[in-house]
């Protein structure tokens, strides 16, 4: 997972920050936060599917 996406994912899921809080902390738009989280979830889904098909 790309580093910025990974960072957003950790802030949202581990630190449980809101999109707005993440956007302020990283100086990015809240829509960018949403896009990063969508990418992170797609990456996690693909990784799970890959392990299930083994």
C-alpha atoms as a PDB file:
ATOM      1  CA  UNK A   1       0.000   0.000   0.000  1.00  0.00           C
ATOM      2  CA  UNK A   2       1.470   3.398  -0.919  1.00  0.00           C
ATOM      3  CA  UNK A   3       2.804   5.362   2.050  1.00  0.00           C
ATOM      4  CA  UNK A   4       0.284   8.270   2.011  1.00  0.00           C
ATOM      5  CA  UNK A   5      -2.606   5.826   1.720  1.00  0.00           C
ATOM      6  CA  UNK A   6      -1.177   3.705   4.512  1.00  0.00           C
ATOM      7  CA  UNK A   7      -0.835   6.756   6.746  1.00  0.00           C
ATOM      8  CA  UNK A   8      -4.422   7.851   6.145  1.00  0.00           C
ATOM      9  CA  UNK A   9      -5.626   4.298   6.791  1.00  0.00           C
ATOM     10  CA  UNK A  10      -3.798   4.171  10.146  1.00  0.00           C
ATOM     11  CA  UNK A  11      -5.117   7.566  11.224  1.00  0.00           C
ATOM     12  CA  UNK A  12      -8.682   6.555  10.372  1.00  0.00           C
ATOM     13  CA  UNK A  13      -8.742   2.964  11.608  1.00  0.00           C
ATOM     14  CA  UNK A  14      -6.171   2.862  14.415  1.00  0.00           C
ATOM     15  CA  UNK A  15      -6.307   6.395  15.793  1.00  0.00           C
ATOM     16  CA  UNK A  16      -9.999   6.706  14.858  1.00  0.00           C
ATOM     17  CA  UNK A  17      -9.723  10.255  13.541  1.00  0.00           C
ATOM     18  CA  UNK A  18     -12.489  11.735  11.401  1.00  0.00           C
ATOM     19  CA  UNK A  19     -11.922  12.597   7.744  1.00  0.00           C
ATOM     20  CA  UNK A  20     -11.833  16.276   8.711  1.00  0.00           C
ATOM     21  CA  UNK A  21      -9.261  15.676  11.469  1.00  0.00           C
ATOM     22  CA  UNK A  22      -7.067  13.680   9.098  1.00  0.00           C
ATOM     23  CA  UNK A  23      -7.384  16.357   6.410  1.00  0.00           C
ATOM     24  CA  UNK A  24      -6.305  19.079   8.840  1.00  0.00           C
ATOM     25  CA  UNK A  25      -3.428  17.007  10.219  1.00  0.00           C
ATOM     26  CA  UNK A  26      -2.091  16.133   6.751  1.00  0.00           C
ATOM     27  CA  UNK A  27      -3.027  19.446   5.093  1.00  0.00           C
ATOM     28  CA  UNK A  28      -5.088  17.709   2.410  1.00  0.00           C
ATOM     29  CA  UNK A  29      -8.702  17.921   1.274  1.00  0.00           C
ATOM     30  CA  UNK A  30     -11.293  15.705   2.981  1.00  0.00           C
ATOM     31  CA  UNK A  31     -12.080  14.225  -0.456  1.00  0.00           C
ATOM     32  CA  UNK A  32      -8.433  13.177  -0.722  1.00  0.00           C
ATOM     33  CA  UNK A  33      -8.799  11.418   2.628  1.00  0.00           C
ATOM     34  CA  UNK A  34     -11.822   9.576   1.265  1.00  0.00           C
ATOM     35  CA  UNK A  35      -9.936   8.579  -1.896  1.00  0.00           C
ATOM     36  CA  UNK A  36      -6.985   7.278   0.143  1.00  0.00           C
ATOM     37  CA  UNK A  37      -9.306   5.227   2.337  1.00  0.00           C
ATOM     38  CA  UNK A  38     -11.062   3.801  -0.710  1.00  0.00           C
ATOM     39  CA  UNK A  39      -7.678   2.779  -2.135  1.00  0.00           C
ATOM     40  CA  UNK A  40      -6.655   1.252   1.195  1.00  0.00           C
ATOM     41  CA  UNK A  41      -9.848  -0.773   1.460  1.00  0.00           C
ATOM     42  CA  UNK A  42      -9.477  -1.987  -2.141  1.00  0.00           C
ATOM     43  CA  UNK A  43      -5.914  -3.031  -1.362  1.00  0.00           C
ATOM     44  CA  UNK A  44      -6.991  -4.903   1.786  1.00  0.00           C
ATOM     45  CA  UNK A  45      -9.830  -6.611  -0.086  1.00  0.00           C
ATOM     46  CA  UNK A  46      -7.472  -7.719  -2.864  1.00  0.00           C
ATOM     47  CA  UNK A  47      -4.969  -9.055  -0.330  1.00  0.00           C
ATOM     48  CA  UNK A  48      -7.671 -11.041   1.466  1.00  0.00           C
ATOM     49  CA  UNK A  49      -8.993 -12.459  -1.795  1.00  0.00           C
ATOM     50  CA  UNK A  50      -5.475 -13.490  -2.795  1.00  0.00           C
ATOM     51  CA  UNK A  51      -4.972 -15.402   0.458  1.00  0.00           C
ATOM     52  CA  UNK A  52      -8.388 -17.059   0.206  1.00  0.00           C
ATOM     53  CA  UNK A  53      -7.695 -18.364  -3.288  1.00  0.00           C
ATOM     54  CA  UNK A  54      -4.513 -20.192  -2.232  1.00  0.00           C
END
